[in-house]
Protein backbone atom coordinates (compact mmCIF):
# COMPACT_ATOMS: atom_id res chain seq x y z
CA MET A 1 12.08 49.92 26.61
CA LYS A 2 13.35 49.35 23.07
CA LYS A 3 14.87 46.04 24.20
CA ASN A 4 11.48 44.88 25.50
CA LYS A 5 9.87 45.71 22.14
CA TRP A 6 12.42 43.53 20.33
CA ILE A 7 11.77 40.66 22.75
CA ALA A 8 8.01 40.99 22.21
CA LEU A 9 8.48 40.99 18.43
CA LEU A 10 10.68 37.88 18.60
CA LEU A 11 8.08 36.06 20.69
CA PHE A 12 5.35 37.05 18.23
CA LEU A 13 7.30 35.67 15.27
CA THR A 14 8.32 32.39 16.91
CA LEU A 15 5.07 31.62 18.75
CA PRO A 16 3.37 29.97 15.71
CA PHE A 17 6.17 27.39 15.50
CA PHE A 18 5.60 26.29 19.07
CA LEU A 19 1.81 26.36 18.84
CA GLY A 20 1.83 24.42 15.57
CA GLY A 21 4.37 21.86 16.74
CA CYS A 22 8.01 21.54 15.72
CA ARG A 23 7.69 18.69 13.23
CA SER A 24 7.93 20.75 10.03
CA PHE A 25 10.62 22.90 11.61
CA LEU A 26 12.88 19.91 12.29
CA VAL A 27 11.82 17.66 9.43
CA PRO A 28 12.02 18.87 5.81
CA GLN A 29 8.76 18.43 3.92
CA ASP A 30 8.56 16.80 0.48
CA LYS A 31 12.23 15.83 0.44
CA PRO A 32 13.31 12.31 -0.58
CA LEU A 33 15.26 11.57 2.57
CA ALA A 34 14.92 9.59 5.75
CA LEU A 35 15.27 11.12 9.16
CA ASN A 36 18.94 10.95 9.93
CA ASN A 37 19.94 9.94 13.43
CA THR A 38 20.72 13.54 14.45
CA LEU A 39 17.18 14.61 13.58
CA LEU A 40 15.77 11.59 15.39
CA GLN A 41 17.61 12.59 18.54
CA GLN A 42 16.44 16.20 18.18
CA LYS A 43 12.83 15.09 17.91
CA ASN A 44 13.04 12.48 20.65
CA PRO A 45 16.20 12.06 22.74
CA GLN A 46 14.91 8.64 23.86
CA SER A 47 14.38 7.41 20.28
CA LYS A 48 15.27 3.77 19.71
CA MET A 49 15.26 4.19 15.92
CA GLU A 50 18.52 4.09 14.00
CA ILE A 51 18.63 4.66 10.23
CA LEU A 52 21.37 2.43 8.83
CA SER A 53 21.06 3.35 5.15
CA PHE A 54 18.82 5.28 2.80
CA GLU A 55 19.20 5.17 -0.96
CA ASN A 56 17.51 5.68 -4.30
CA ILE A 57 17.60 2.33 -6.10
CA GLY A 58 15.77 3.09 -9.34
CA THR A 59 12.70 4.41 -11.10
CA GLY A 60 9.20 2.97 -10.96
CA THR A 61 6.29 2.20 -8.67
CA VAL A 62 7.06 -0.72 -6.37
CA GLN A 63 4.26 -3.31 -6.21
CA ASP A 64 5.54 -6.37 -4.37
CA ILE A 65 8.57 -8.27 -3.09
CA SER A 66 9.35 -11.95 -3.64
CA TYR A 67 8.94 -14.44 -0.79
CA ASP A 68 12.73 -14.59 -0.25
CA GLY A 69 13.21 -10.80 -0.40
CA SER A 70 15.52 -10.98 -3.41
CA THR A 71 13.39 -9.28 -6.07
CA LEU A 72 11.09 -6.26 -6.31
CA LEU A 73 8.19 -6.09 -8.74
CA LEU A 74 7.88 -2.68 -10.42
CA LEU A 75 5.55 -0.80 -12.73
CA ASN A 76 7.25 1.60 -15.13
CA THR A 77 6.23 3.94 -17.91
CA THR A 78 8.61 5.24 -20.55
CA GLU A 79 9.19 8.98 -20.20
CA ALA A 80 9.37 9.71 -23.93
CA PRO A 81 7.36 8.53 -26.96
CA PRO A 82 6.59 5.91 -28.01
CA ILE A 83 4.98 5.38 -24.61
CA THR A 84 5.01 1.81 -23.33
CA TYR A 85 3.93 0.39 -20.00
CA ASN A 86 6.31 -2.05 -18.39
CA ILE A 87 6.56 -4.53 -15.56
CA ASN A 88 10.16 -4.88 -14.42
CA LEU A 89 11.97 -7.10 -11.95
CA LEU A 90 14.62 -5.48 -9.76
CA LYS A 91 16.96 -7.97 -8.11
CA VAL A 92 18.30 -6.29 -4.98
CA SER A 93 21.54 -7.18 -3.22
CA GLU A 94 24.11 -5.48 -1.01
CA ASN A 95 26.60 -5.18 -3.86
CA GLU A 96 24.54 -4.48 -6.97
CA ASN A 97 20.93 -4.13 -8.12
CA GLN A 98 19.97 -5.75 -11.41
CA LEU A 99 16.95 -4.60 -13.46
CA THR A 100 15.24 -7.03 -15.84
CA SER A 101 12.40 -6.28 -18.24
CA PHE A 102 9.43 -8.61 -17.68
CA VAL A 103 6.43 -7.22 -19.62
CA ASN A 104 6.44 -4.45 -22.25
CA SER A 105 3.08 -3.38 -23.63
CA GLU A 106 1.07 -0.51 -25.05
CA LYS A 107 -1.56 -1.58 -22.53
CA HIS A 108 -1.43 -0.06 -19.06
CA GLN A 109 -0.73 -2.41 -16.12
CA LEU A 110 -2.65 -1.23 -13.05
CA SER A 111 -1.22 -3.58 -10.41
CA ALA A 112 1.00 -6.65 -10.10
CA LYS A 113 1.76 -9.37 -7.54
CA PHE A 114 4.16 -12.30 -7.39
CA ASP A 115 2.48 -15.64 -6.86
CA GLU A 116 3.42 -17.26 -3.56
CA TYR A 117 6.84 -18.61 -4.54
CA ALA A 118 7.58 -16.13 -7.36
CA LYS A 119 7.11 -18.73 -10.10
CA GLY A 120 5.04 -16.16 -11.97
CA VAL A 121 3.31 -12.80 -11.77
CA PHE A 122 -0.40 -11.98 -11.68
CA TYR A 123 -1.19 -8.51 -13.04
CA VAL A 124 -4.23 -6.44 -13.98
CA GLU A 125 -3.98 -4.86 -17.40
CA LYS A 126 -6.20 -2.17 -18.88
CA GLY A 127 -7.40 -2.91 -22.41
CA LEU A 128 -7.14 -0.49 -25.30
CA ASP A 129 -10.12 1.77 -26.01
CA THR A 130 -11.69 1.01 -29.38
CA GLY A 131 -14.05 3.63 -30.77
CA ASN A 132 -16.98 4.28 -28.45
CA GLU A 133 -16.49 1.03 -26.58
CA LYS A 134 -14.81 1.42 -23.20
CA SER A 135 -11.99 -0.98 -22.45
CA SER A 136 -12.09 -3.49 -19.61
CA ASN A 137 -9.39 -4.63 -17.21
CA GLN A 138 -8.16 -8.20 -17.49
CA LEU A 139 -6.23 -10.38 -15.02
CA ILE A 140 -3.20 -12.05 -16.58
CA TRP A 141 -0.55 -14.48 -15.33
CA THR A 142 2.93 -14.77 -16.83
CA SER A 143 5.51 -17.34 -15.73
CA ILE A 144 8.71 -15.90 -14.30
CA ASP A 145 10.71 -17.22 -17.29
CA LYS A 146 8.17 -15.50 -19.61
CA SER A 147 7.52 -18.73 -21.51
CA VAL A 148 3.80 -18.87 -20.63
CA THR A 149 1.18 -16.10 -20.48
CA LYS A 150 -2.48 -16.77 -19.68
CA THR A 151 -5.53 -14.54 -19.37
CA ILE A 152 -7.16 -15.62 -16.10
CA SER A 153 -10.31 -13.48 -16.18
CA SER A 154 -13.11 -13.93 -18.70
CA PRO A 155 -13.52 -11.46 -21.60
CA GLU A 156 -16.77 -10.01 -20.21
CA GLU A 157 -15.18 -9.20 -16.84
CA ASN A 158 -13.82 -5.82 -15.77
CA VAL A 159 -11.34 -6.71 -13.02
CA ASN A 160 -10.67 -4.39 -10.08
CA SER A 161 -6.98 -3.59 -9.64
CA ASN A 162 -6.64 -4.88 -6.04
CA ILE A 163 -5.88 -8.60 -6.09
CA CYS A 164 -4.76 -11.02 -3.36
CA ILE A 165 -2.54 -14.10 -3.62
CA VAL A 166 -4.14 -17.14 -1.97
CA ASP A 167 -1.45 -19.83 -2.32
CA ASP A 168 1.25 -21.01 -4.73
CA SER A 169 -1.06 -20.98 -7.75
CA SER A 170 -4.28 -19.17 -6.75
CA VAL A 171 -5.47 -15.59 -6.65
CA ILE A 172 -8.67 -13.95 -5.49
CA TYR A 173 -10.08 -10.79 -7.04
CA SER A 174 -13.29 -8.85 -7.62
CA ASN A 175 -14.88 -7.37 -10.72
CA SER A 176 -17.34 -4.65 -11.69
CA ASN A 177 -20.18 -7.20 -11.66
CA ASN A 178 -19.80 -7.28 -7.86
CA GLN A 179 -18.47 -10.82 -8.06
CA ILE A 180 -15.58 -12.32 -6.09
CA VAL A 181 -13.54 -14.81 -8.10
CA MET A 182 -11.07 -17.45 -6.91
CA ALA A 183 -8.85 -18.50 -9.82
CA THR A 184 -5.65 -20.44 -10.47
CA SER A 185 -2.82 -19.91 -12.93
CA GLU A 186 -4.08 -23.07 -14.67
CA GLY A 187 -7.35 -21.34 -15.51
CA ASP A 188 -9.68 -22.94 -12.93
CA ARG A 189 -12.26 -20.47 -11.61
CA ARG A 190 -14.93 -20.31 -8.92
CA ILE A 191 -17.29 -17.32 -8.84
CA TYR A 192 -18.97 -16.02 -5.68
CA HIS A 193 -21.36 -13.17 -5.00
CA THR A 194 -22.36 -11.41 -1.81
CA VAL A 195 -25.95 -11.62 -0.62
CA ARG A 196 -26.45 -7.86 -0.98
CA SER A 197 -24.34 -7.56 -4.16
CA ILE A 198 -21.82 -5.27 -2.47
CA PRO A 199 -19.40 -3.49 -4.85
CA VAL A 200 -15.96 -4.70 -3.71
CA HIS A 201 -12.87 -2.45 -3.63
CA ASP A 202 -9.90 -4.08 -1.87
CA ILE A 203 -9.80 -7.77 -0.99
CA GLN A 204 -7.72 -10.19 1.11
CA TYR A 205 -7.95 -13.83 2.12
CA TYR A 206 -7.58 -15.65 5.46
CA PRO A 207 -6.87 -19.36 4.81
CA LYS A 208 -7.54 -20.70 8.32
CA ASN A 209 -11.23 -19.76 8.12
CA ASN A 210 -11.44 -19.89 4.31
CA ALA A 211 -12.62 -16.29 4.64
CA VAL A 212 -12.62 -13.25 2.40
CA ILE A 213 -12.10 -9.83 3.97
CA PHE A 214 -12.92 -6.86 1.79
CA THR A 215 -13.85 -3.21 1.66
CA GLY A 216 -17.00 -2.39 -0.25
CA THR A 217 -19.50 0.35 -0.89
CA ASP A 218 -22.29 0.55 1.68
CA PRO A 219 -25.48 -0.77 -0.02
CA THR A 220 -27.50 2.12 1.46
CA ASP A 221 -24.93 4.92 1.14
CA ASP A 222 -22.62 5.00 -1.88
CA GLN A 223 -20.44 7.64 -0.19
CA LYS A 224 -19.43 5.20 2.55
CA THR A 225 -16.89 2.37 2.34
CA ASN A 226 -17.17 -0.43 4.91
CA LEU A 227 -15.10 -3.44 5.95
CA TYR A 228 -16.74 -6.87 5.61
CA LEU A 229 -15.96 -10.51 6.38
CA SER A 230 -17.37 -13.46 4.41
CA GLU A 231 -16.60 -17.14 4.97
CA ILE A 232 -16.64 -19.36 1.89
CA LYS A 233 -18.89 -22.37 2.48
CA ASP A 234 -18.51 -25.66 0.61
CA GLY A 235 -21.14 -26.11 -2.08
CA SER A 236 -22.34 -22.51 -2.00
CA ASP A 237 -21.54 -19.60 -4.31
CA GLU A 238 -23.33 -17.14 -2.06
CA LEU A 239 -21.35 -15.16 0.52
CA SER A 240 -23.09 -13.91 3.62
CA SER A 241 -21.19 -10.78 4.69
CA THR A 242 -20.59 -9.65 8.26
CA LEU A 243 -20.00 -5.93 8.76
CA ILE A 244 -16.80 -5.31 10.74
CA ASP A 245 -16.79 -1.51 10.65
CA GLU A 246 -17.79 1.56 8.65
CA ASN A 247 -15.88 4.40 6.96
CA VAL A 248 -12.79 2.28 6.35
CA ILE A 249 -9.97 3.63 4.17
CA ASN A 250 -7.69 0.59 3.86
CA PHE A 251 -6.77 -2.55 5.80
CA ASP A 252 -4.31 -5.40 6.23
CA ILE A 253 -4.52 -8.89 7.74
CA ASN A 254 -2.03 -10.91 9.74
CA ARG A 255 -2.43 -14.38 8.20
CA GLN A 256 -0.71 -15.99 11.17
CA ASN A 257 -3.41 -15.16 13.72
CA GLY A 258 -6.31 -13.55 11.84
CA SER A 259 -5.80 -10.05 13.25
CA ILE A 260 -6.93 -7.18 11.03
CA ILE A 261 -5.78 -3.58 11.23
CA TYR A 262 -7.42 -0.81 9.29
CA THR A 263 -7.49 2.95 9.01
CA GLN A 264 -10.84 4.56 9.58
CA ASN A 265 -12.16 8.02 8.90
CA TYR A 266 -13.32 9.36 12.24
CA GLY A 267 -14.59 12.92 12.09
CA ASP A 268 -11.73 15.36 11.57
CA SER A 269 -9.05 12.67 11.89
CA ASN A 270 -8.29 9.08 10.96
CA ARG A 271 -7.56 6.32 13.42
CA ILE A 272 -6.01 2.86 13.28
CA MET A 273 -8.32 0.09 14.46
CA SER A 274 -7.83 -3.60 15.22
CA TYR A 275 -10.17 -6.58 14.86
CA SER A 276 -9.59 -10.29 15.54
CA ILE A 277 -11.30 -12.84 13.29
CA SER A 278 -10.73 -15.67 15.77
CA LYS A 279 -12.03 -13.76 18.80
CA GLY A 280 -14.88 -12.03 16.97
CA ALA A 281 -14.88 -9.22 19.55
CA GLN A 282 -15.70 -5.59 18.84
CA PRO A 283 -13.00 -3.59 17.02
CA SER A 284 -10.60 -1.70 19.28
CA VAL A 285 -8.71 1.56 18.79
CA VAL A 286 -4.95 1.13 18.30
CA SER A 287 -4.12 4.81 17.84
CA GLU A 288 -5.74 8.10 16.85
CA GLY A 289 -4.19 10.65 14.53
CA ASN A 290 -3.86 11.66 10.88
CA PHE A 291 -3.23 8.17 9.51
CA THR A 292 -3.37 7.28 5.82
CA SER A 293 -2.36 3.60 5.81
CA ALA A 294 -1.36 0.77 8.13
CA ALA A 295 0.08 -2.70 7.48
CA TYR A 296 1.63 -5.45 9.56
CA THR A 297 5.31 -6.25 9.26
CA PRO A 298 5.76 -9.78 7.85
CA ASN A 299 6.19 -11.32 11.33
CA GLY A 300 3.04 -9.55 12.56
CA GLU A 301 4.79 -8.04 15.58
CA LYS A 302 4.75 -4.41 14.43
CA ILE A 303 2.71 -2.04 12.30
CA LEU A 304 4.16 0.11 9.54
CA TYR A 305 1.98 3.14 8.98
CA THR A 306 1.90 6.50 7.24
CA GLN A 307 0.47 9.76 8.45
CA PHE A 308 0.29 13.40 7.48
CA SER A 309 0.82 16.32 9.82
CA SER A 310 -2.03 18.76 10.38
CA ILE A 311 0.34 21.57 9.40
CA ASN A 312 1.49 19.90 6.17
CA THR A 313 -0.46 19.08 3.05
CA LYS A 314 -2.23 15.74 3.08
CA THR A 315 -0.21 14.62 0.06
CA SER A 316 2.98 14.53 2.15
CA GLN A 317 3.15 11.54 4.47
CA SER A 318 5.82 10.39 6.87
CA ILE A 319 6.56 6.71 7.54
CA TRP A 320 6.38 5.34 11.08
CA ILE A 321 6.49 2.01 12.90
CA MET A 322 4.95 0.90 16.20
CA ASP A 323 4.19 -2.23 18.19
CA ALA A 324 1.05 -4.14 17.22
CA ASN A 325 -0.65 -2.80 20.37
CA GLY A 326 0.00 0.82 19.35
CA LYS A 327 2.92 1.46 21.71
CA ASN A 328 6.48 2.63 21.00
CA LYS A 329 5.82 4.82 17.96
CA LEU A 330 9.01 5.57 16.03
CA GLN A 331 9.39 7.78 12.96
CA ILE A 332 11.37 6.46 10.00
CA SER A 333 11.07 9.14 7.32
CA ALA A 334 10.36 12.79 6.74
CA PRO A 335 7.09 13.74 4.96
CA LEU A 336 7.18 12.42 1.38
CA THR A 337 4.84 12.36 -1.61
CA LEU A 338 4.31 8.61 -1.69
CA THR A 339 3.13 6.90 -4.87
CA SER A 340 3.13 3.32 -3.57
CA ALA A 341 2.41 1.27 -0.50
CA ILE A 342 5.24 0.57 1.94
CA ILE A 343 6.74 -2.81 1.02
CA ALA A 344 8.50 -4.61 3.89
CA HIS A 345 11.30 -7.12 3.43
CA PRO A 346 10.10 -10.58 4.59
CA TYR A 347 12.79 -11.02 7.25
CA LYS A 348 14.97 -7.88 7.40
CA SER A 349 14.36 -4.42 8.87
CA THR A 350 14.18 -2.95 5.38
CA ILE A 351 11.38 -1.12 3.60
CA TYR A 352 10.90 -0.11 -0.03
CA PHE A 353 8.57 2.56 -1.40
CA SER A 354 8.11 4.95 -4.31
CA ILE A 355 7.77 8.72 -4.26
CA GLU A 356 7.33 11.44 -6.85
CA LYS A 357 10.54 12.91 -8.15
CA LYS A 358 11.68 16.05 -6.38
CA ARG A 359 9.83 19.14 -7.55
CA GLU A 360 12.83 20.72 -9.26
CA THR A 361 13.28 17.61 -11.43
CA ALA A 362 9.69 16.37 -11.63
CA THR A 363 8.65 14.84 -14.93
CA SER A 364 5.55 13.14 -16.24
CA ASP A 365 4.77 10.77 -19.05
CA THR A 366 2.67 11.95 -21.99
CA LYS A 367 -0.53 11.02 -20.15
CA GLY A 368 0.41 13.27 -17.22
CA GLN A 369 1.32 10.48 -14.80
CA PRO A 370 4.11 11.44 -12.36
CA ILE A 371 7.36 9.52 -12.70
CA SER A 372 8.23 7.75 -9.46
CA GLN A 373 11.55 6.93 -7.83
CA ILE A 374 12.15 3.88 -5.63
CA TYR A 375 13.82 4.22 -2.26
CA LYS A 376 15.16 1.72 0.24
CA ILE A 377 15.58 2.29 3.98
CA ASP A 378 17.45 -0.05 6.31
CA TYR A 379 16.67 0.65 9.96
CA ASN A 380 17.36 -0.78 13.37
CA ILE A 381 15.28 -0.55 16.54
CA ASN A 382 17.56 -0.69 19.57
C-alpha cells in the first residue's frame, strides 16, 4: 500500500512536465548555447541538424553582413563613462576575427546597413536633444575608408530606423512625415507619399516590379499594423497601396522571385504567412505557432525563424530553420534573449546574432541599455 502511495506521488510530481511538453526540460532556457547534437537526438532521433560550432565572437548588436560574408556590421556602446556610441566592423575568418572602429560619436546610432558592395555604410543617427526641442533622426552615409561622410536626409526629416538597400548606391527609407524616400549616396533624392498617408514602420524594395513593400499603421485603427504593397510609377510621386494582410509583426522578401513571408498575430498565437508578388494570389499559411520573426536564407530555399515556447517567457526565443514550404522544421538553438535579428551568411550554413549577457554577468550602459554579446553558429543539415 505504501509503495502505491509513492508511485502516485511520483506521477503527480512528473505529470506537469509531460502535459507541458518536454522542451524546457531538455533545453536550458536563457543560456547562451546552441543545442548540442546529443540534445538534438534526445528531442528528435530523426533530426537532420548537426551543430558544427558555436562560439562567442565579441560584444555588440549585429546589424548586417557584407555581400561576401567577410565582415559584420555592429552597434556598440561603451560600458563606462564617457559614454560613446560606436559602429564597428568585425572581419570574421576561421583563424582570427579582427575588430575595427568605424564611427565613434556621442550621438546614438539606431541602425546600420552596408551598401550593396560594402563600399560604404548607411546608418540612422539620433540627434542630440537641445533644451525643449526634441532631436530628430538623420540618415548618414560614410565610405568604408571613412574619407567621406554625407547626411542623406534633409534637416527637417525625422527618419525611421528601418532602412532598405536598393542597389550599389541607393537606399529607401521612411520618415515621420509619412513619406517614403529613395536616395543615393551622392545626395539625389525622390520623395513619395501614399494615397492615404499611411505611417510607415518597416520597408523593403522589390526591383523587378519597382515596388515598395512596407508595414504601416492602419488608417482606421492605430492599434493595428498591416502589410502593404506599392508600385512606383514613372512620373508620379503618389503611391497607391494594396493591402496584403492585417496584424503583421514583421516580414521579409525573397528578391529572386518576389515571395514574401511574414509573421502575423492570429488570436492567441502567431503564424508565418506567405504571399507571392508575381502571382498576386491570396496569402497562405506556412506554419502556425508562437513565432516572433521569419526571414529567408540568402538563396531563398529555407526560412530562418524564431519562436517562444508557451511555457517559457516571451523574451526567450529559440532559433529554427525550415523549408520555404513550412516542412522539415529543425531547431538550431535553445531559448535565448535575442537583441538582434538573425543574420545569415550569404553562402555558408552560418548564422550570427546578438543576445543579452548571461544574467549572472549582465551589465548595462549608463542609459540602462543591455550590453549584447555576438554569437556565431555553424550548422549542417544532413
